[in-house]
Every structure is written in structure tokens, then in C-alpha cells.
Amino acid sequence: MRLPDATALDGELVMREQDRLAFERLQGRLQRRGAAAAQAAEGWPAHFVAFDLLHLAGTDTPSTRWRARFSTARR
């Protein structure tokens, strides 16, 4: 899905290991630089999980009900 310009999401960067979140693995990956970082990214992919829509096309959305924010974003 492509979001409009001036859209902001709130979320977390997460990694999974054996069907659970692996915060320690994420911390270790964030400390790497250069070729080591690229190698770690291939072996331990991270994913962004969005859980709130803060701005949609430049319009503040927190005062809008949560369900309405996401139904608008999916259009």
C-alpha cells in the first residue's frame, strides 16, 4: 500500500526468532555498521509494525476515532 505524502505512522521496528519477538537480536543488529550491518540485515530481517496513524496527507488524526483513521488510510 502506498500512503499519501505528509503521512506519519507510529509503530515499532521488530524482529522475530522462533515465533517470538527478539528485542535482544534487534539491539545487536543496530550496533553493526557497513558490511556487517548489510550481512546482519540479510540474516535477521526486521519489520516495521504500524499501530497508529498520526497524520494523513498533512491532517492531524489523533482526535479522530482509531477505527475511522485506519479505514480512511486503506482506501
Protein backbone atom coordinates (compact mmCIF):
# COMPACT_ATOMS: atom_id res chain seq x y z
CA MET A 1 0.00 0.00 0.00
CA ARG A 2 1.29 3.47 -0.81
CA LEU A 3 0.46 6.28 1.62
CA PRO A 4 -0.01 9.93 0.61
CA ASP A 5 2.81 12.44 1.17
CA ALA A 6 2.82 14.15 4.60
CA THR A 7 1.57 10.98 6.31
CA ALA A 8 3.03 9.85 9.64
CA LEU A 9 2.66 6.47 11.32
CA ASP A 10 3.55 5.40 14.84
CA GLY A 11 4.99 1.93 15.25
CA GLU A 12 7.86 -0.30 16.21
CA LEU A 13 10.74 -1.98 14.44
CA VAL A 14 10.60 -5.67 15.40
CA MET A 15 12.45 -8.91 14.73
CA ARG A 16 11.18 -12.45 15.21
CA GLU A 17 13.09 -15.50 16.27
CA GLN A 18 11.40 -18.88 16.73
CA ASP A 19 7.88 -17.36 16.67
CA ARG A 20 8.56 -14.69 19.29
CA LEU A 21 9.80 -11.11 19.26
CA ALA A 22 13.57 -10.88 19.64
CA PHE A 23 14.45 -7.49 21.14
CA GLU A 24 17.99 -8.61 22.01
CA ARG A 25 18.60 -9.62 18.39
CA LEU A 26 17.39 -6.19 17.22
CA GLN A 27 19.71 -4.41 19.66
CA GLY A 28 22.67 -6.45 18.42
CA ARG A 29 21.84 -5.68 14.80
CA LEU A 30 21.54 -1.94 15.43
CA GLN A 31 25.14 -1.80 16.69
CA ARG A 32 26.60 -3.02 13.38
CA ARG A 33 27.93 -0.76 10.62
CA GLY A 34 28.90 -1.13 6.97
CA ALA A 35 29.23 -4.63 5.52
CA ALA A 36 28.46 -6.23 8.89
CA ALA A 37 25.14 -4.34 9.01
CA ALA A 38 24.23 -5.47 5.49
CA GLN A 39 25.07 -9.09 6.34
CA ALA A 40 23.01 -8.93 9.56
CA ALA A 41 20.05 -7.44 7.66
CA GLU A 42 20.06 -10.41 5.27
CA GLY A 43 20.23 -12.97 8.05
CA TRP A 44 17.93 -11.25 10.54
CA PRO A 45 15.26 -9.22 8.69
CA ALA A 46 13.46 -6.53 10.68
CA HIS A 47 9.88 -5.40 10.09
CA PHE A 48 8.06 -2.17 10.82
CA VAL A 49 4.71 -2.74 12.56
CA ALA A 50 2.47 0.34 12.45
CA PHE A 51 -0.10 0.71 15.20
CA ASP A 52 -1.37 4.27 14.79
CA LEU A 53 -1.94 6.86 12.08
CA LEU A 54 -0.83 10.31 13.31
CA HIS A 55 -1.12 12.40 10.14
CA LEU A 56 -2.83 11.62 6.86
CA ALA A 57 -1.91 13.86 3.94
CA GLY A 58 -0.86 16.57 6.39
CA THR A 59 -4.02 16.39 8.54
CA ASP A 60 -3.66 15.56 12.25
CA THR A 61 -5.69 12.43 13.00
CA PRO A 62 -5.32 11.67 16.76
CA SER A 63 -8.62 13.40 17.56
CA THR A 64 -10.37 11.06 15.10
CA ARG A 65 -11.55 7.68 16.37
CA TRP A 66 -8.94 4.97 15.78
CA ARG A 67 -11.18 2.79 13.60
CA ALA A 68 -12.02 5.73 11.33
CA ARG A 69 -8.33 6.64 10.92
CA PHE A 70 -7.44 3.23 9.56
CA SER A 71 -10.47 2.78 7.35
CA THR A 72 -9.53 6.09 5.68
CA ALA A 73 -5.89 5.06 5.24
CA ARG A 74 -6.81 1.78 3.49
CA ARG A 75 -8.71 3.49 0.65
